[in-house]
Amino acid sequence: MNSSQAPAASTAAPSRYRWYVLSTLVLIYAMHHMDRQIVTLLLEPIKHEFALSDSQLGFLAGLSYAIAFGLAGLPLGWLVDRVHRVRLLSALLFVWSGLTALCGIANSYLSLVLARIGIGAAESGGTPTNMSLLADYFDRKSRPMAMGIYYTGTQIGTIVGFAVAAIVAQQYGWRAAFLVAGIPGLLLVLLLLGTIREPRRGASDTPNPSGASVMQPPPPFMQTLRFIWSQRAQVHTMIGIVIAMAVTAGMSAWLAPLMIRSYGVNLKTAGFSLAFGVATFGMLGSLAGGWLASRISERDPSQLPKLTALATFLTVPAAVYGILAGSLWLTVAGFAIQHFANAMIVATGYPLSMELTRTNMRGTTMALLQVLCNMCGYGLGPQIVGWLSDGLNPQFGGKALAYGMVALALCNLWATGHLLFAARWTKNNLARAAAPV
């Protein structure tokens, strides 16, 4: 059913209810991230059970998921602008959670890859749907803070997922960890369908003089692409975010194997180090980024790219130090800073990208950004490190993985340059996106 015909909240939601909606979407995003990332903690036992190379592990953790994400992302983004979003999100959540649980009974590398393909396809519609909903529950001034809080779901998923999976995998094996990760999402489907209302599109946007929000029908896909391409700030922002997400994915996918191989720790120690020593700082970064973005948006939103660029630059020395530190706890310290800065990239960059597009193009624009981040970012980031690790192994042996990670971390200098270029056109492009059609 088209969302214009579905029962929907006709006006901006009461303050208390919209925060309840945000809390629910944070939990869903935590499940999204946990189900995507849990495989990275379990790479070493999977490698040994199926006798895999690092290139095969990189494909499992990144490219298999990302290709499916890319193929499904744009069609689902198109749907986000046209159908009942709460029902769409419920269906997607059911699929990706169920397939995560099914990874626990995989009997071969191929069956794991196929499950990851299905998870990637379903999860590609998650964030575009969530962000479209949030944009209709929160106005322009409060939107960056809401999205900063939303992106704490990444860290919540990592903390809870890695801590629980580490205990379960250590005691009962990696298969049991997948089963435990998939079940909570299936329960959240019931909560979502039973308590979240579909808001009217554009409900929180600036009204016209008559008092009603102006909301044009969603344009054809190619028209949206032409508008995105015409926004120079949007193009450079997207490129910068995609590169940064490639670095993020490569670091996240290989951090647990780095700890296990370099320091000889077990799964439980690696999982707890990632959950409590690293991811907690990511949560603080999301909140700090959201708060700063809200303050900047109130005064001069055209300055947002500079904040995102600064956070991107800070990830480089932090990651390189963490990789080469030579001590488990110094590695944790370096990546705690890297995760703090990286969470600020997401908490400031995504709201900026949303503001640089028109209201009726949000679903498609966010889907495009997600597709690019996953195909080029999450797809290539882990794979590049895997290729480099295998290629450098004959010469550097046990150091090959670390050197491959350092090479990828330096790419965020490139991302910083694009975000600084975006700042040159942001003020003009924000006005163009907000102008009546």
Protein backbone atom coordinates (compact mmCIF):
# COMPACT_ATOMS: atom_id res chain seq x y z
CA MET A 1 0.00 0.00 0.00
CA ASN A 2 1.27 3.50 -0.76
CA SER A 3 2.07 5.41 2.41
CA SER A 4 -0.14 8.28 1.36
CA GLN A 5 -3.08 5.94 1.69
CA ALA A 6 -1.99 4.23 4.90
CA PRO A 7 -3.04 5.38 8.36
CA ALA A 8 -0.45 7.90 9.45
CA ALA A 9 0.26 10.57 12.00
CA SER A 10 -1.05 13.71 10.36
CA THR A 11 0.92 16.22 12.40
CA ALA A 12 4.28 16.37 14.13
CA ALA A 13 4.39 13.77 16.88
CA PRO A 14 4.29 14.73 20.59
CA SER A 15 7.76 15.10 22.08
CA ARG A 16 7.58 12.05 24.35
CA TYR A 17 6.37 9.72 21.62
CA ARG A 18 8.98 10.80 19.09
CA TRP A 19 11.73 9.97 21.61
CA TYR A 20 10.14 6.56 22.08
CA VAL A 21 10.25 6.10 18.30
CA LEU A 22 13.91 7.10 18.29
CA SER A 23 14.70 4.62 21.08
CA THR A 24 13.03 1.81 19.16
CA LEU A 25 14.89 2.65 15.97
CA VAL A 26 18.18 2.74 17.91
CA LEU A 27 17.49 -0.82 19.10
CA ILE A 28 16.73 -1.91 15.54
CA TYR A 29 19.92 -0.29 14.28
CA ALA A 30 21.83 -2.04 17.09
CA MET A 31 20.46 -5.37 15.80
CA HIS A 32 21.37 -4.33 12.26
CA HIS A 33 24.96 -3.62 13.24
CA MET A 34 25.33 -6.64 15.50
CA ASP A 35 24.08 -9.02 12.82
CA ARG A 36 26.42 -7.45 10.25
CA GLN A 37 29.52 -7.27 12.47
CA ILE A 38 29.37 -10.42 14.58
CA VAL A 39 31.08 -12.41 11.83
CA THR A 40 34.24 -10.28 12.30
CA LEU A 41 34.68 -11.55 15.86
CA LEU A 42 34.24 -15.12 14.68
CA LEU A 43 36.60 -15.02 11.67
CA GLU A 44 39.41 -16.95 13.36
CA PRO A 45 37.36 -20.04 14.41
CA ILE A 46 35.58 -19.99 11.01
CA LYS A 47 38.99 -19.81 9.28
CA HIS A 48 40.23 -22.87 11.15
CA GLU A 49 37.04 -24.95 10.72
CA PHE A 50 36.83 -24.44 6.95
CA ALA A 51 40.59 -23.95 6.26
CA LEU A 52 40.18 -20.51 4.67
CA SER A 53 42.67 -17.87 3.48
CA ASP A 54 42.52 -14.21 4.59
CA SER A 55 41.21 -13.29 1.14
CA GLN A 56 38.28 -15.69 1.63
CA LEU A 57 37.65 -14.26 5.10
CA GLY A 58 37.67 -10.75 3.63
CA PHE A 59 35.08 -11.81 1.07
CA LEU A 60 32.88 -13.35 3.78
CA ALA A 61 33.12 -10.33 6.07
CA GLY A 62 32.84 -7.68 3.38
CA LEU A 63 32.30 -8.20 -0.32
CA SER A 64 29.64 -10.95 -0.19
CA TYR A 65 27.51 -8.76 2.06
CA ALA A 66 28.26 -5.58 0.14
CA ILE A 67 27.41 -6.84 -3.35
CA ALA A 68 23.95 -7.92 -2.19
CA PHE A 69 23.56 -4.67 -0.29
CA GLY A 70 24.37 -2.73 -3.44
CA LEU A 71 22.00 -4.66 -5.68
CA ALA A 72 19.07 -4.38 -3.27
CA GLY A 73 19.76 -0.95 -1.79
CA LEU A 74 18.51 1.33 -4.55
CA PRO A 75 15.26 -0.57 -5.22
CA LEU A 76 14.55 -0.56 -1.49
CA GLY A 77 15.42 3.13 -1.27
CA TRP A 78 12.93 3.76 -4.08
CA LEU A 79 10.32 1.88 -2.04
CA VAL A 80 11.09 3.92 1.12
CA ASP A 81 9.79 7.06 -0.62
CA ARG A 82 6.58 5.30 -1.73
CA VAL A 83 5.34 2.64 0.70
CA HIS A 84 4.35 2.22 4.36
CA ARG A 85 7.79 2.46 5.99
CA VAL A 86 7.00 0.77 9.29
CA ARG A 87 5.76 -2.38 7.55
CA LEU A 88 8.72 -2.35 5.17
CA LEU A 89 11.17 -2.07 8.08
CA SER A 90 9.41 -4.92 9.92
CA ALA A 91 9.78 -7.25 6.95
CA LEU A 92 13.46 -6.38 6.49
CA LEU A 93 14.22 -6.86 10.19
CA PHE A 94 12.57 -10.28 10.14
CA VAL A 95 14.64 -11.42 7.16
CA TRP A 96 18.08 -10.26 8.31
CA SER A 97 17.59 -11.52 11.88
CA GLY A 98 16.36 -14.91 10.70
CA LEU A 99 19.29 -15.34 8.32
CA THR A 100 21.77 -14.42 11.06
CA ALA A 101 20.38 -17.20 13.20
CA LEU A 102 20.63 -19.59 10.23
CA CYS A 103 24.39 -18.89 9.98
CA GLY A 104 24.62 -21.00 13.11
CA ILE A 105 23.68 -24.15 11.20
CA ALA A 106 25.84 -23.46 8.11
CA ASN A 107 27.72 -26.60 7.05
CA SER A 108 30.14 -25.00 4.56
CA TYR A 109 31.83 -21.76 3.56
CA LEU A 110 29.37 -21.43 0.66
CA SER A 111 26.32 -21.63 2.92
CA LEU A 112 27.78 -18.91 5.15
CA VAL A 113 28.38 -16.72 2.11
CA LEU A 114 24.80 -17.25 0.89
CA ALA A 115 23.40 -16.29 4.30
CA ARG A 116 25.58 -13.18 4.35
CA ILE A 117 24.25 -12.27 0.88
CA GLY A 118 20.69 -12.43 2.19
CA ILE A 119 21.57 -10.39 5.29
CA GLY A 120 23.20 -7.72 3.13
CA ALA A 121 20.19 -7.46 0.83
CA ALA A 122 17.73 -7.08 3.71
CA GLU A 123 19.85 -4.67 5.74
CA SER A 124 20.29 -2.35 2.75
CA GLY A 125 16.80 -0.96 3.37
CA GLY A 126 17.18 -0.55 7.13
CA THR A 127 18.94 2.78 7.56
CA PRO A 128 17.20 4.61 4.65
CA THR A 129 13.85 3.62 6.18
CA ASN A 130 14.91 4.60 9.70
CA MET A 131 16.33 7.95 8.59
CA SER A 132 13.25 8.75 6.54
CA LEU A 133 11.09 8.07 9.60
CA LEU A 134 13.31 10.15 11.88
CA ALA A 135 13.24 13.06 9.44
CA ASP A 136 9.45 13.13 9.80
CA TYR A 137 9.54 12.92 13.61
CA PHE A 138 12.28 15.54 14.20
CA ASP A 139 12.59 19.02 12.72
CA ARG A 140 15.71 20.39 11.04
CA LYS A 141 17.23 21.84 14.24
CA SER A 142 16.80 18.70 16.35
CA ARG A 143 17.51 16.24 13.52
CA PRO A 144 21.33 16.12 13.88
CA MET A 145 21.09 15.32 17.59
CA ALA A 146 18.45 12.66 16.93
CA MET A 147 20.66 11.08 14.28
CA GLY A 148 23.69 11.25 16.57
CA ILE A 149 21.68 9.29 19.11
CA TYR A 150 20.47 6.95 16.37
CA TYR A 151 24.04 6.12 15.39
CA THR A 152 24.86 5.04 18.95
CA GLY A 153 23.08 1.89 17.79
CA THR A 154 26.33 0.98 16.03
CA GLN A 155 28.18 0.98 19.32
CA ILE A 156 25.35 -0.61 21.31
CA GLY A 157 25.27 -3.43 18.77
CA THR A 158 29.04 -3.83 19.05
CA ILE A 159 29.13 -3.72 22.85
CA VAL A 160 26.26 -6.11 23.46
CA GLY A 161 26.92 -8.29 20.42
CA PHE A 162 30.65 -8.74 20.91
CA ALA A 163 30.40 -9.22 24.68
CA VAL A 164 27.63 -11.81 24.46
CA ALA A 165 29.08 -13.49 21.36
CA ALA A 166 32.52 -13.70 22.99
CA ILE A 167 31.12 -15.52 26.03
CA VAL A 168 28.85 -17.79 23.98
CA ALA A 169 31.49 -18.60 21.35
CA GLN A 170 34.13 -19.32 23.99
CA GLN A 171 31.79 -21.72 25.82
CA TYR A 172 29.66 -23.23 23.06
CA GLY A 173 31.37 -22.42 19.74
CA TRP A 174 30.88 -19.88 16.98
CA ARG A 175 27.64 -21.41 15.71
CA ALA A 176 25.83 -20.74 18.98
CA ALA A 177 26.92 -17.08 18.83
CA PHE A 178 25.09 -16.61 15.51
CA LEU A 179 21.92 -18.16 16.94
CA VAL A 180 21.99 -15.87 19.98
CA ALA A 181 22.56 -12.80 17.76
CA GLY A 182 19.60 -13.46 15.48
CA ILE A 183 16.78 -14.08 17.97
CA PRO A 184 16.38 -10.56 19.53
CA GLY A 185 15.67 -9.00 16.13
CA LEU A 186 12.78 -11.38 15.55
CA LEU A 187 11.23 -10.22 18.82
CA LEU A 188 11.71 -6.56 17.88
CA VAL A 189 9.51 -7.09 14.82
CA LEU A 190 6.49 -7.46 17.12
CA LEU A 191 7.37 -4.29 19.05
CA LEU A 192 7.79 -2.32 15.83
CA LEU A 193 4.49 -3.40 14.30
CA GLY A 194 2.57 -2.97 17.54
CA THR A 195 3.76 0.44 18.73
CA ILE A 196 5.24 2.60 15.94
CA ARG A 197 2.92 4.75 13.82
CA GLU A 198 3.65 5.76 10.24
CA PRO A 199 4.17 9.57 10.22
CA ARG A 200 2.98 11.85 7.45
CA ARG A 201 5.84 12.61 5.06
CA GLY A 202 7.25 16.08 5.59
CA ALA A 203 5.45 16.44 8.93
CA SER A 204 8.48 18.06 10.61
CA ASP A 205 9.58 20.25 7.73
CA THR A 206 9.15 24.01 7.51
CA PRO A 207 5.51 24.83 6.67
CA ASN A 208 4.45 27.21 3.94
CA PRO A 209 2.52 30.42 4.79
CA SER A 210 -0.78 28.53 4.85
CA GLY A 211 0.53 26.37 7.69
CA ALA A 212 0.94 23.09 5.80
CA SER A 213 4.25 21.43 4.99
CA VAL A 214 5.01 21.44 1.28
CA MET A 215 5.64 17.89 0.13
CA GLN A 216 6.00 17.10 -3.54
CA PRO A 217 5.55 13.53 -4.81
CA PRO A 218 8.85 11.60 -5.08
CA PRO A 219 10.50 12.30 -8.43
CA PRO A 220 11.75 9.64 -10.87
CA PHE A 221 14.99 7.95 -9.89
CA MET A 222 17.10 9.58 -12.61
CA GLN A 223 15.85 13.03 -11.63
CA THR A 224 17.04 12.41 -8.07
CA LEU A 225 20.43 11.27 -9.35
CA ARG A 226 20.74 14.41 -11.50
CA PHE A 227 19.94 16.62 -8.51
CA ILE A 228 22.52 14.82 -6.33
CA TRP A 229 25.16 15.17 -9.05
CA SER A 230 24.39 18.89 -9.41
CA GLN A 231 25.08 19.46 -5.69
CA ARG A 232 28.89 19.71 -5.49
CA ALA A 233 28.87 19.66 -1.71
CA GLN A 234 26.78 16.49 -1.76
CA VAL A 235 29.11 14.74 -4.21
CA HIS A 236 32.24 15.50 -2.18
CA THR A 237 30.48 14.68 1.09
CA MET A 238 29.42 11.29 -0.24
CA ILE A 239 32.89 10.49 -1.60
CA GLY A 240 34.49 11.45 1.72
CA ILE A 241 32.03 9.37 3.73
CA VAL A 242 32.42 6.34 1.44
CA ILE A 243 36.23 6.38 1.75
CA ALA A 244 35.96 6.81 5.52
CA MET A 245 33.54 3.88 5.74
CA ALA A 246 35.94 1.69 3.73
CA VAL A 247 38.62 2.44 6.30
CA THR A 248 36.16 1.83 9.15
CA ALA A 249 35.09 -1.51 7.72
CA GLY A 250 38.64 -2.67 7.16
CA MET A 251 39.70 -1.73 10.68
CA SER A 252 36.61 -3.24 12.30
CA ALA A 253 36.73 -6.50 10.36
CA TRP A 254 40.37 -7.22 11.14
CA LEU A 255 40.83 -5.79 14.64
CA ALA A 256 39.86 -9.01 16.45
CA PRO A 257 42.13 -11.18 14.22
CA LEU A 258 44.93 -8.62 14.77
CA MET A 259 44.56 -8.98 18.55
CA ILE A 260 44.42 -12.77 18.40
CA ARG A 261 47.40 -13.13 16.05
CA SER A 262 49.60 -10.39 17.53
CA TYR A 263 49.00 -10.96 21.24
CA GLY A 264 47.74 -14.55 21.44
CA VAL A 265 44.51 -13.64 23.25
CA ASN A 266 41.40 -15.82 23.13
CA LEU A 267 38.00 -14.92 21.67
CA LYS A 268 36.61 -13.80 25.01
CA THR A 269 39.44 -11.34 25.65
CA ALA A 270 39.27 -9.98 22.10
CA GLY A 271 35.49 -9.62 22.28
CA PHE A 272 35.51 -7.87 25.64
CA SER A 273 38.33 -5.56 24.52
CA LEU A 274 36.32 -4.53 21.47
CA ALA A 275 33.05 -4.22 23.36
CA PHE A 276 34.11 -2.30 26.43
CA GLY A 277 37.51 -0.86 25.56
CA VAL A 278 36.73 0.38 22.04
CA ALA A 279 33.00 0.54 21.26
CA THR A 280 32.08 2.52 24.38
CA PHE A 281 34.19 5.40 23.05
CA GLY A 282 32.37 5.11 19.75
CA MET A 283 29.10 5.70 21.59
CA LEU A 284 30.55 8.83 23.19
CA GLY A 285 31.69 9.97 19.75
CA SER A 286 28.18 9.55 18.33
CA LEU A 287 26.66 11.62 21.13
CA ALA A 288 29.36 14.27 20.93
CA GLY A 289 29.07 14.44 17.14
CA GLY A 290 25.29 14.74 17.29
CA TRP A 291 25.45 17.47 19.93
CA LEU A 292 28.09 19.46 18.06
CA ALA A 293 26.22 19.04 14.76
CA SER A 294 23.02 20.35 16.36
CA ARG A 295 24.82 23.39 17.76
CA ILE A 296 26.49 24.11 14.43
CA SER A 297 23.22 23.60 12.52
CA GLU A 298 21.52 26.24 14.67
CA ARG A 299 24.25 28.80 13.93
CA ASP A 300 25.68 27.96 10.50
CA PRO A 301 25.05 24.47 9.05
CA SER A 302 27.46 25.20 6.20
CA GLN A 303 30.30 24.59 8.70
CA LEU A 304 29.33 20.92 9.21
CA PRO A 305 31.77 19.54 6.58
CA LYS A 306 34.71 21.07 8.48
CA LEU A 307 33.74 19.19 11.65
CA THR A 308 33.40 15.96 9.67
CA ALA A 309 36.78 16.57 8.02
CA LEU A 310 38.49 17.14 11.37
CA ALA A 311 37.07 13.90 12.78
CA THR A 312 38.16 12.02 9.64
CA PHE A 313 41.72 13.34 9.91
CA LEU A 314 41.99 12.35 13.59
CA THR A 315 41.26 8.69 12.78
CA VAL A 316 44.58 8.37 10.90
CA PRO A 317 47.15 8.82 13.71
CA ALA A 318 44.88 7.01 16.17
CA ALA A 319 44.50 3.93 13.95
CA VAL A 320 48.17 3.76 12.92
CA TYR A 321 49.26 4.01 16.55
CA GLY A 322 46.78 1.32 17.60
CA ILE A 323 47.90 -1.08 14.86
CA LEU A 324 51.64 -0.72 15.56
CA ALA A 325 51.51 -0.21 19.35
CA GLY A 326 52.95 -3.63 20.27
CA SER A 327 50.74 -4.00 23.35
CA LEU A 328 47.13 -5.15 23.62
CA TRP A 329 46.08 -2.28 25.87
CA LEU A 330 47.86 0.35 23.78
CA THR A 331 46.11 -1.09 20.72
CA VAL A 332 42.80 -0.78 22.56
CA ALA A 333 43.65 2.83 23.51
CA GLY A 334 44.51 3.79 19.93
CA PHE A 335 41.33 2.27 18.54
CA ALA A 336 39.22 3.81 21.29
CA ILE A 337 40.28 7.23 19.97
CA GLN A 338 39.81 6.05 16.38
CA HIS A 339 36.28 4.83 17.15
CA PHE A 340 35.40 8.10 18.92
CA ALA A 341 36.45 10.13 15.87
CA ASN A 342 34.89 7.67 13.42
CA ALA A 343 31.52 7.84 15.20
CA MET A 344 31.67 11.62 14.85
CA ILE A 345 32.12 11.21 11.09
CA VAL A 346 28.87 9.27 10.87
CA ALA A 347 26.95 11.46 13.32
CA THR A 348 27.82 14.63 11.39
CA GLY A 349 28.24 13.40 7.81
CA TYR A 350 24.92 11.61 7.35
CA PRO A 351 22.75 14.50 8.63
CA LEU A 352 24.73 16.82 6.33
CA SER A 353 24.03 14.57 3.35
CA MET A 354 20.34 14.46 4.24
CA GLU A 355 20.11 18.26 4.46
CA LEU A 356 21.79 18.59 1.05
CA THR A 357 18.88 16.79 -0.62
CA ARG A 358 15.18 17.61 -0.99
CA THR A 359 12.54 16.20 1.33
CA ASN A 360 10.95 13.97 -1.32
CA MET A 361 14.37 12.56 -2.30
CA ARG A 362 15.55 11.51 1.17
CA GLY A 363 14.87 7.81 0.92
CA THR A 364 16.57 7.43 -2.45
CA THR A 365 19.50 9.69 -1.47
CA MET A 366 20.16 7.84 1.79
CA ALA A 367 19.82 4.50 -0.01
CA LEU A 368 22.38 5.62 -2.60
CA LEU A 369 24.80 6.69 0.13
CA GLN A 370 24.27 3.40 1.96
CA VAL A 371 24.83 1.42 -1.23
CA LEU A 372 28.06 3.28 -1.97
CA CYS A 373 29.26 2.93 1.63
CA ASN A 374 28.58 -0.79 1.62
CA MET A 375 29.72 -1.75 -1.87
CA CYS A 376 32.79 0.49 -2.01
CA GLY A 377 33.28 0.82 1.74
CA TYR A 378 32.25 -2.28 3.63
CA GLY A 379 32.75 -4.38 0.54
CA LEU A 380 36.25 -3.30 -0.39
CA GLY A 381 37.68 -2.29 3.01
CA PRO A 382 37.95 -5.80 4.54
CA GLN A 383 38.77 -7.32 1.14
CA ILE A 384 41.67 -4.92 0.52
CA VAL A 385 43.20 -5.75 3.90
CA GLY A 386 42.76 -9.47 3.19
CA TRP A 387 44.48 -9.16 -0.19
CA LEU A 388 47.32 -7.10 1.28
CA SER A 389 47.76 -9.53 4.16
CA ASP A 390 48.03 -12.54 1.83
CA GLY A 391 50.30 -10.62 -0.57
CA LEU A 392 52.66 -9.33 2.14
CA ASN A 393 52.73 -12.56 4.14
CA PRO A 394 55.71 -14.16 2.30
CA GLN A 395 57.87 -11.12 3.09
CA PHE A 396 56.56 -9.94 6.46
CA GLY A 397 54.94 -13.05 7.98
CA GLY A 398 53.04 -12.22 11.16
CA LYS A 399 53.31 -8.45 10.51
CA ALA A 400 51.54 -8.64 7.13
CA LEU A 401 48.05 -8.08 8.53
CA ALA A 402 49.18 -5.02 10.52
CA TYR A 403 50.88 -3.44 7.50
CA GLY A 404 47.80 -4.04 5.35
CA MET A 405 45.66 -2.27 7.97
CA VAL A 406 48.06 0.70 8.13
CA ALA A 407 47.91 1.14 4.34
CA LEU A 408 44.12 1.30 4.47
CA ALA A 409 44.05 3.66 7.48
CA LEU A 410 46.08 6.26 5.54
CA CYS A 411 43.26 6.51 2.97
CA ASN A 412 41.34 8.74 5.38
CA LEU A 413 43.71 11.56 4.42
CA TRP A 414 42.10 11.34 0.98
CA ALA A 415 38.64 11.40 2.55
CA THR A 416 39.56 14.51 4.56
CA GLY A 417 40.40 16.37 1.35
CA HIS A 418 36.97 15.67 -0.17
CA LEU A 419 35.16 16.89 2.94
CA LEU A 420 37.15 20.13 2.92
CA PHE A 421 36.20 20.58 -0.76
CA ALA A 422 32.53 20.03 0.22
CA ALA A 423 32.73 22.95 2.66
CA ARG A 424 33.31 25.36 -0.25
CA TRP A 425 29.83 24.77 -1.73
CA THR A 426 27.76 23.72 1.30
CA LYS A 427 26.08 27.07 2.03
CA ASN A 428 24.83 27.50 -1.53
CA ASN A 429 23.79 23.84 -1.88
CA LEU A 430 21.85 23.86 1.41
CA ALA A 431 19.80 26.82 0.19
CA ARG A 432 19.18 25.11 -3.14
CA ALA A 433 17.95 21.91 -1.44
CA ALA A 434 15.57 23.87 0.81
CA ALA A 435 14.20 26.08 -1.98
CA PRO A 436 10.64 25.44 -3.24
CA VAL A 437 10.49 23.32 -6.37
